[in-house]
Amino acid sequence: MSTTDTITIEGFTAWLAAFRDRVTEQRSYLTELDSAIGDADHGANMARGMAAVMEKVGASPATTADELFKTVGMTLVTSVGGASGPLYGTFFLRLGMTAGAVAECDAAALSSALRAGLDGVVARGKAEAGDKTMFDAMAPALEAMDAAITSGASLAEATAAARDAAAAGRDATETLVARKGRASYLGERSAGHLDPGATSTALLFDALAEVTAS
């Protein structure tokens, strides 16, 4: 973070590292959630994918957001199995394309880039609100972030609002019946479990809030 209330390339890299740490720490929990309604591999996939991301990023540090997130997105697409690789990969690719060849983003630019990432997830997975997917955490997070920015919030305040809304969205997936992905095969039996994708998405926004608050 700089004094101009922006997130820099260093901040973006710290965000990715913090997300890696979270999915690594929560690997067993994410897999446990996925074992109830999916393939039991979300934790392992995300931990492996983010480890590969940080290895690539560390080996060849980027100087612009589009360069950084292209590396992130392509690494996730090629190293993560299941649906999470293509979905998270597309999210970061679209985020980078919208952020552009810049070394830092203010709150509005970051929100716009994140929303482009969400649009990529929707285009790839065709998810809507209530389908019991990562959309149910990500969409409320960005709505809260935009509302905070509109009201004059700082970047740290806006990302904190996004974090809280993502967590609430994650929690709300517990009662939902899945309508997308492997979990949808379970029908009513998918209710009563948190969605693993929404849970990892909440970790993504928790990591962003931590980095922008420091």
C-alpha atoms as a PDB file:
ATOM      1  CA  MET A   1       0.000   0.000   0.000  1.00  0.00           C
ATOM      2  CA  SER A   2       1.131   3.524  -0.705  1.00  0.00           C
ATOM      3  CA  THR A   3       0.045   6.765   0.866  1.00  0.00           C
ATOM      4  CA  THR A   4      -2.117   7.509  -2.184  1.00  0.00           C
ATOM      5  CA  ASP A   5      -4.577   4.778  -1.188  1.00  0.00           C
ATOM      6  CA  THR A   6      -3.668   2.429  -3.986  1.00  0.00           C
ATOM      7  CA  ILE A   7      -2.578  -1.162  -4.224  1.00  0.00           C
ATOM      8  CA  THR A   8       0.764  -1.592  -5.968  1.00  0.00           C
ATOM      9  CA  ILE A   9       2.334  -4.529  -7.783  1.00  0.00           C
ATOM     10  CA  GLU A  10       4.007  -5.409  -4.498  1.00  0.00           C
ATOM     11  CA  GLY A  11       0.607  -5.278  -2.842  1.00  0.00           C
ATOM     12  CA  PHE A  12      -0.935  -7.513  -5.494  1.00  0.00           C
ATOM     13  CA  THR A  13       1.889 -10.005  -5.022  1.00  0.00           C
ATOM     14  CA  ALA A  14       1.403  -9.899  -1.250  1.00  0.00           C
ATOM     15  CA  TRP A  15      -2.324 -10.554  -1.822  1.00  0.00           C
ATOM     16  CA  LEU A  16      -1.527 -13.651  -3.870  1.00  0.00           C
ATOM     17  CA  ALA A  17       0.911 -14.867  -1.224  1.00  0.00           C
ATOM     18  CA  ALA A  18      -1.660 -14.317   1.523  1.00  0.00           C
ATOM     19  CA  PHE A  19      -4.253 -16.237  -0.493  1.00  0.00           C
ATOM     20  CA  ARG A  20      -1.772 -19.060  -1.016  1.00  0.00           C
ATOM     21  CA  ASP A  21      -1.130 -19.174   2.722  1.00  0.00           C
ATOM     22  CA  ARG A  22      -4.846 -19.329   3.468  1.00  0.00           C
ATOM     23  CA  VAL A  23      -5.710 -22.093   1.027  1.00  0.00           C
ATOM     24  CA  THR A  24      -2.675 -24.032   2.235  1.00  0.00           C
ATOM     25  CA  GLU A  25      -3.699 -23.638   5.876  1.00  0.00           C
ATOM     26  CA  GLN A  26      -7.318 -24.506   5.040  1.00  0.00           C
ATOM     27  CA  ARG A  27      -6.466 -27.252   2.577  1.00  0.00           C
ATOM     28  CA  SER A  28      -7.936 -30.073   4.653  1.00  0.00           C
ATOM     29  CA  TYR A  29     -11.043 -28.053   5.502  1.00  0.00           C
ATOM     30  CA  LEU A  30     -11.695 -27.129   1.867  1.00  0.00           C
ATOM     31  CA  THR A  31     -11.255 -30.767   0.877  1.00  0.00           C
ATOM     32  CA  GLU A  32     -13.605 -31.843   3.668  1.00  0.00           C
ATOM     33  CA  LEU A  33     -16.256 -29.459   2.343  1.00  0.00           C
ATOM     34  CA  ASP A  34     -15.702 -30.736  -1.182  1.00  0.00           C
ATOM     35  CA  SER A  35     -15.895 -34.358  -0.068  1.00  0.00           C
ATOM     36  CA  ALA A  36     -19.471 -33.752   1.047  1.00  0.00           C
ATOM     37  CA  ILE A  37     -20.736 -32.365  -2.263  1.00  0.00           C
ATOM     38  CA  GLY A  38     -17.940 -32.622  -4.834  1.00  0.00           C
ATOM     39  CA  ASP A  39     -14.782 -34.461  -5.830  1.00  0.00           C
ATOM     40  CA  ALA A  40     -12.924 -34.020  -2.517  1.00  0.00           C
ATOM     41  CA  ASP A  41     -10.072 -32.212  -4.263  1.00  0.00           C
ATOM     42  CA  HIS A  42     -10.736 -28.466  -3.938  1.00  0.00           C
ATOM     43  CA  GLY A  43      -8.301 -27.930  -1.080  1.00  0.00           C
ATOM     44  CA  ALA A  44      -5.515 -29.928  -2.686  1.00  0.00           C
ATOM     45  CA  ASN A  45      -6.112 -28.298  -6.062  1.00  0.00           C
ATOM     46  CA  MET A  46      -6.101 -24.747  -4.758  1.00  0.00           C
ATOM     47  CA  ALA A  47      -3.064 -25.282  -2.523  1.00  0.00           C
ATOM     48  CA  ARG A  48      -1.129 -26.830  -5.404  1.00  0.00           C
ATOM     49  CA  GLY A  49      -2.240 -24.156  -7.841  1.00  0.00           C
ATOM     50  CA  MET A  50      -1.345 -21.202  -5.633  1.00  0.00           C
ATOM     51  CA  ALA A  51       2.015 -22.762  -4.761  1.00  0.00           C
ATOM     52  CA  ALA A  52       2.718 -22.993  -8.497  1.00  0.00           C
ATOM     53  CA  VAL A  53       1.557 -19.388  -8.938  1.00  0.00           C
ATOM     54  CA  MET A  54       3.932 -18.026  -6.318  1.00  0.00           C
ATOM     55  CA  GLU A  55       6.805 -20.061  -7.729  1.00  0.00           C
ATOM     56  CA  LYS A  56       6.214 -18.561 -11.193  1.00  0.00           C
ATOM     57  CA  VAL A  57       5.693 -15.046  -9.845  1.00  0.00           C
ATOM     58  CA  GLY A  58       8.828 -15.277  -7.740  1.00  0.00           C
ATOM     59  CA  ALA A  59      10.930 -16.555 -10.638  1.00  0.00           C
ATOM     60  CA  SER A  60       9.951 -13.707 -12.936  1.00  0.00           C
ATOM     61  CA  PRO A  61       8.557 -10.683 -11.051  1.00  0.00           C
ATOM     62  CA  ALA A  62       6.061  -8.646 -13.058  1.00  0.00           C
ATOM     63  CA  THR A  63       6.093  -4.867 -13.327  1.00  0.00           C
ATOM     64  CA  THR A  64       2.482  -4.354 -14.391  1.00  0.00           C
ATOM     65  CA  ALA A  65      -0.852  -5.752 -13.274  1.00  0.00           C
ATOM     66  CA  ASP A  66      -1.751  -7.290 -16.619  1.00  0.00           C
ATOM     67  CA  GLU A  67       1.574  -9.107 -16.777  1.00  0.00           C
ATOM     68  CA  LEU A  68       1.261 -10.358 -13.197  1.00  0.00           C
ATOM     69  CA  PHE A  69      -2.281 -11.648 -13.476  1.00  0.00           C
ATOM     70  CA  LYS A  70      -1.719 -13.220 -16.888  1.00  0.00           C
ATOM     71  CA  THR A  71       0.961 -15.349 -15.238  1.00  0.00           C
ATOM     72  CA  VAL A  72      -1.391 -16.135 -12.344  1.00  0.00           C
ATOM     73  CA  GLY A  73      -4.322 -17.032 -14.557  1.00  0.00           C
ATOM     74  CA  MET A  74      -2.390 -19.190 -16.996  1.00  0.00           C
ATOM     75  CA  THR A  75      -0.647 -21.028 -14.166  1.00  0.00           C
ATOM     76  CA  LEU A  76      -3.949 -21.852 -12.482  1.00  0.00           C
ATOM     77  CA  VAL A  77      -5.557 -23.005 -15.717  1.00  0.00           C
ATOM     78  CA  THR A  78      -2.662 -25.367 -16.431  1.00  0.00           C
ATOM     79  CA  SER A  79      -1.927 -26.627 -12.917  1.00  0.00           C
ATOM     80  CA  VAL A  80      -5.302 -26.966 -11.200  1.00  0.00           C
ATOM     81  CA  GLY A  81      -7.715 -29.764 -11.980  1.00  0.00           C
ATOM     82  CA  GLY A  82     -11.492 -29.733 -11.794  1.00  0.00           C
ATOM     83  CA  ALA A  83     -13.572 -26.610 -12.236  1.00  0.00           C
ATOM     84  CA  SER A  84     -11.563 -24.379  -9.910  1.00  0.00           C
ATOM     85  CA  GLY A  85      -8.543 -24.045 -12.208  1.00  0.00           C
ATOM     86  CA  PRO A  86     -10.428 -22.680 -15.219  1.00  0.00           C
ATOM     87  CA  LEU A  87     -12.712 -20.535 -13.027  1.00  0.00           C
ATOM     88  CA  TYR A  88     -10.014 -18.929 -10.888  1.00  0.00           C
ATOM     89  CA  GLY A  89      -7.715 -18.771 -13.898  1.00  0.00           C
ATOM     90  CA  THR A  90     -10.314 -16.889 -15.909  1.00  0.00           C
ATOM     91  CA  PHE A  91     -10.990 -14.613 -12.935  1.00  0.00           C
ATOM     92  CA  PHE A  92      -7.362 -13.520 -12.702  1.00  0.00           C
ATOM     93  CA  LEU A  93      -6.886 -13.259 -16.472  1.00  0.00           C
ATOM     94  CA  ARG A  94      -9.877 -10.936 -16.822  1.00  0.00           C
ATOM     95  CA  LEU A  95      -8.813  -8.985 -13.736  1.00  0.00           C
ATOM     96  CA  GLY A  96      -5.400  -8.345 -15.256  1.00  0.00           C
ATOM     97  CA  MET A  97      -6.734  -7.431 -18.681  1.00  0.00           C
ATOM     98  CA  THR A  98      -9.018  -4.807 -17.152  1.00  0.00           C
ATOM     99  CA  ALA A  99      -6.439  -3.431 -14.732  1.00  0.00           C
ATOM    100  CA  GLY A 100      -4.068  -3.032 -17.667  1.00  0.00           C
ATOM    101  CA  ALA A 101      -0.381  -2.175 -17.931  1.00  0.00           C
ATOM    102  CA  VAL A 102      -0.288  -0.251 -14.660  1.00  0.00           C
ATOM    103  CA  ALA A 103       1.884  -0.515 -11.556  1.00  0.00           C
ATOM    104  CA  GLU A 104      -0.896   0.343  -9.104  1.00  0.00           C
ATOM    105  CA  CYS A 105      -4.690   0.637  -8.837  1.00  0.00           C
ATOM    106  CA  ASP A 106      -6.903   2.852  -6.736  1.00  0.00           C
ATOM    107  CA  ALA A 107     -10.094   1.518  -5.161  1.00  0.00           C
ATOM    108  CA  ALA A 108     -12.294   2.233  -8.186  1.00  0.00           C
ATOM    109  CA  ALA A 109      -9.845   0.669 -10.637  1.00  0.00           C
ATOM    110  CA  LEU A 110      -9.422  -2.375  -8.418  1.00  0.00           C
ATOM    111  CA  SER A 111     -13.177  -2.816  -8.087  1.00  0.00           C
ATOM    112  CA  SER A 112     -13.594  -2.545 -11.856  1.00  0.00           C
ATOM    113  CA  ALA A 113     -10.889  -5.164 -12.398  1.00  0.00           C
ATOM    114  CA  LEU A 114     -12.389  -7.509  -9.823  1.00  0.00           C
ATOM    115  CA  ARG A 115     -15.806  -7.160 -11.438  1.00  0.00           C
ATOM    116  CA  ALA A 116     -14.316  -8.048 -14.817  1.00  0.00           C
ATOM    117  CA  GLY A 117     -12.931 -11.135 -13.116  1.00  0.00           C
ATOM    118  CA  LEU A 118     -16.398 -12.016 -11.843  1.00  0.00           C
ATOM    119  CA  ASP A 119     -17.815 -11.512 -15.344  1.00  0.00           C
ATOM    120  CA  GLY A 120     -15.216 -14.001 -16.557  1.00  0.00           C
ATOM    121  CA  VAL A 121     -16.298 -16.518 -13.945  1.00  0.00           C
ATOM    122  CA  VAL A 122     -19.931 -16.101 -15.023  1.00  0.00           C
ATOM    123  CA  ALA A 123     -19.020 -16.478 -18.700  1.00  0.00           C
ATOM    124  CA  ARG A 124     -17.046 -19.628 -17.940  1.00  0.00           C
ATOM    125  CA  GLY A 125     -19.333 -21.287 -15.397  1.00  0.00           C
ATOM    126  CA  LYS A 126     -22.747 -19.763 -16.215  1.00  0.00           C
ATOM    127  CA  ALA A 127     -23.446 -19.393 -12.477  1.00  0.00           C
ATOM    128  CA  GLU A 128     -26.117 -17.126 -11.038  1.00  0.00           C
ATOM    129  CA  ALA A 129     -27.037 -16.019  -7.537  1.00  0.00           C
ATOM    130  CA  GLY A 130     -28.281 -18.930  -5.467  1.00  0.00           C
ATOM    131  CA  ASP A 131     -26.612 -21.664  -7.537  1.00  0.00           C
ATOM    132  CA  LYS A 132     -24.318 -22.524  -4.597  1.00  0.00           C
ATOM    133  CA  THR A 133     -21.017 -21.578  -6.237  1.00  0.00           C
ATOM    134  CA  MET A 134     -18.163 -19.103  -5.777  1.00  0.00           C
ATOM    135  CA  PHE A 135     -20.491 -16.519  -7.380  1.00  0.00           C
ATOM    136  CA  ASP A 136     -22.523 -16.439  -4.166  1.00  0.00           C
ATOM    137  CA  ALA A 137     -19.513 -15.072  -2.258  1.00  0.00           C
ATOM    138  CA  MET A 138     -17.903 -12.999  -4.997  1.00  0.00           C
ATOM    139  CA  ALA A 139     -20.921 -11.070  -6.278  1.00  0.00           C
ATOM    140  CA  PRO A 140     -21.989  -9.763  -2.830  1.00  0.00           C
ATOM    141  CA  ALA A 141     -18.358  -8.874  -2.090  1.00  0.00           C
ATOM    142  CA  LEU A 142     -18.134  -6.648  -5.147  1.00  0.00           C
ATOM    143  CA  GLU A 143     -21.533  -5.099  -4.529  1.00  0.00           C
ATOM    144  CA  ALA A 144     -20.413  -4.181  -1.017  1.00  0.00           C
ATOM    145  CA  MET A 145     -17.102  -2.857  -2.297  1.00  0.00           C
ATOM    146  CA  ASP A 146     -18.789  -0.668  -4.906  1.00  0.00           C
ATOM    147  CA  ALA A 147     -21.259   0.662  -2.345  1.00  0.00           C
ATOM    148  CA  ALA A 148     -18.418   1.513   0.027  1.00  0.00           C
ATOM    149  CA  ILE A 149     -16.455   3.302  -2.692  1.00  0.00           C
ATOM    150  CA  THR A 150     -19.533   5.272  -3.739  1.00  0.00           C
ATOM    151  CA  SER A 151     -19.974   6.416  -0.145  1.00  0.00           C
ATOM    152  CA  GLY A 152     -16.398   7.704  -0.053  1.00  0.00           C
ATOM    153  CA  ALA A 153     -14.690   4.796   1.707  1.00  0.00           C
ATOM    154  CA  SER A 154     -10.946   4.282   1.509  1.00  0.00           C
ATOM    155  CA  LEU A 155      -9.467   1.287  -0.262  1.00  0.00           C
ATOM    156  CA  ALA A 156      -8.950  -0.484   3.054  1.00  0.00           C
ATOM    157  CA  GLU A 157     -12.530   0.211   4.118  1.00  0.00           C
ATOM    158  CA  ALA A 158     -13.887  -0.929   0.755  1.00  0.00           C
ATOM    159  CA  THR A 159     -11.966  -4.208   0.793  1.00  0.00           C
ATOM    160  CA  ALA A 160     -13.021  -4.811   4.410  1.00  0.00           C
ATOM    161  CA  ALA A 161     -16.645  -4.420   3.310  1.00  0.00           C
ATOM    162  CA  ALA A 162     -15.987  -6.861   0.477  1.00  0.00           C
ATOM    163  CA  ARG A 163     -14.413  -9.341   2.898  1.00  0.00           C
ATOM    164  CA  ASP A 164     -17.405  -9.227   5.230  1.00  0.00           C
ATOM    165  CA  ALA A 165     -19.903  -9.609   2.393  1.00  0.00           C
ATOM    166  CA  ALA A 166     -17.950 -12.528   0.924  1.00  0.00           C
ATOM    167  CA  ALA A 167     -18.018 -14.280   4.300  1.00  0.00           C
ATOM    168  CA  ALA A 168     -21.759 -13.707   4.593  1.00  0.00           C
ATOM    169  CA  GLY A 169     -22.261 -15.000   1.060  1.00  0.00           C
ATOM    170  CA  ARG A 170     -20.208 -18.075   1.878  1.00  0.00           C
ATOM    171  CA  ASP A 171     -22.288 -18.760   4.972  1.00  0.00           C
ATOM    172  CA  ALA A 172     -25.509 -18.362   3.004  1.00  0.00           C
ATOM    173  CA  THR A 173     -24.530 -21.208   0.665  1.00  0.00           C
ATOM    174  CA  GLU A 174     -25.033 -23.740   3.467  1.00  0.00           C
ATOM    175  CA  THR A 175     -28.809 -23.856   3.038  1.00  0.00           C
ATOM    176  CA  LEU A 176     -28.779 -23.683  -0.759  1.00  0.00           C
ATOM    177  CA  VAL A 177     -29.448 -26.584  -3.094  1.00  0.00           C
ATOM    178  CA  ALA A 178     -26.698 -26.705  -5.712  1.00  0.00           C
ATOM    179  CA  ARG A 179     -27.740 -25.988  -9.282  1.00  0.00           C
ATOM    180  CA  LYS A 180     -24.302 -26.067 -10.923  1.00  0.00           C
ATOM    181  CA  GLY A 181     -21.340 -28.399 -10.988  1.00  0.00           C
ATOM    182  CA  ARG A 182     -20.914 -31.838  -9.491  1.00  0.00           C
ATOM    183  CA  ALA A 183     -22.784 -30.805  -6.322  1.00  0.00           C
ATOM    184  CA  SER A 184     -25.955 -30.364  -8.396  1.00  0.00           C
ATOM    185  CA  TYR A 185     -26.073 -34.152  -8.900  1.00  0.00           C
ATOM    186  CA  LEU A 186     -26.913 -34.512  -5.210  1.00  0.00           C
ATOM    187  CA  GLY A 187     -30.063 -32.428  -5.461  1.00  0.00           C
ATOM    188  CA  GLU A 188     -31.591 -31.687  -2.059  1.00  0.00           C
ATOM    189  CA  ARG A 189     -28.748 -33.554  -0.343  1.00  0.00           C
ATOM    190  CA  SER A 190     -26.372 -30.727  -1.295  1.00  0.00           C
ATOM    191  CA  ALA A 191     -28.145 -28.496   1.238  1.00  0.00           C
ATOM    192  CA  GLY A 192     -26.588 -28.365   4.685  1.00  0.00           C
ATOM    193  CA  HIS A 193     -23.031 -27.923   3.435  1.00  0.00           C
ATOM    194  CA  LEU A 194     -20.976 -24.813   2.698  1.00  0.00           C
ATOM    195  CA  ASP A 195     -19.893 -24.509  -0.917  1.00  0.00           C
ATOM    196  CA  PRO A 196     -16.116 -25.059  -1.162  1.00  0.00           C
ATOM    197  CA  GLY A 197     -15.719 -22.551  -4.019  1.00  0.00           C
ATOM    198  CA  ALA A 198     -17.548 -19.861  -2.079  1.00  0.00           C
ATOM    199  CA  THR A 199     -15.381 -20.724   0.925  1.00  0.00           C
ATOM    200  CA  SER A 200     -12.117 -20.288  -0.975  1.00  0.00           C
ATOM    201  CA  THR A 201     -13.496 -17.078  -2.503  1.00  0.00           C
ATOM    202  CA  ALA A 202     -14.075 -15.727   1.003  1.00  0.00           C
ATOM    203  CA  LEU A 203     -10.424 -16.516   1.740  1.00  0.00           C
ATOM    204  CA  LEU A 204      -9.441 -14.552  -1.383  1.00  0.00           C
ATOM    205  CA  PHE A 205     -11.223 -11.431  -0.147  1.00  0.00           C
ATOM    206  CA  ASP A 206      -9.992 -11.930   3.410  1.00  0.00           C
ATOM    207  CA  ALA A 207      -6.437 -11.914   2.064  1.00  0.00           C
ATOM    208  CA  LEU A 208      -7.111  -8.762   0.016  1.00  0.00           C
ATOM    209  CA  ALA A 209      -8.537  -6.946   3.034  1.00  0.00           C
ATOM    210  CA  GLU A 210      -5.528  -7.897   5.131  1.00  0.00           C
ATOM    211  CA  VAL A 211      -3.035  -6.659   2.545  1.00  0.00           C
ATOM    212  CA  THR A 212      -4.794  -3.352   1.853  1.00  0.00           C
ATOM    213  CA  ALA A 213      -5.150  -2.656   5.582  1.00  0.00           C
ATOM    214  CA  SER A 214      -1.395  -2.876   6.182  1.00  0.00           C
END
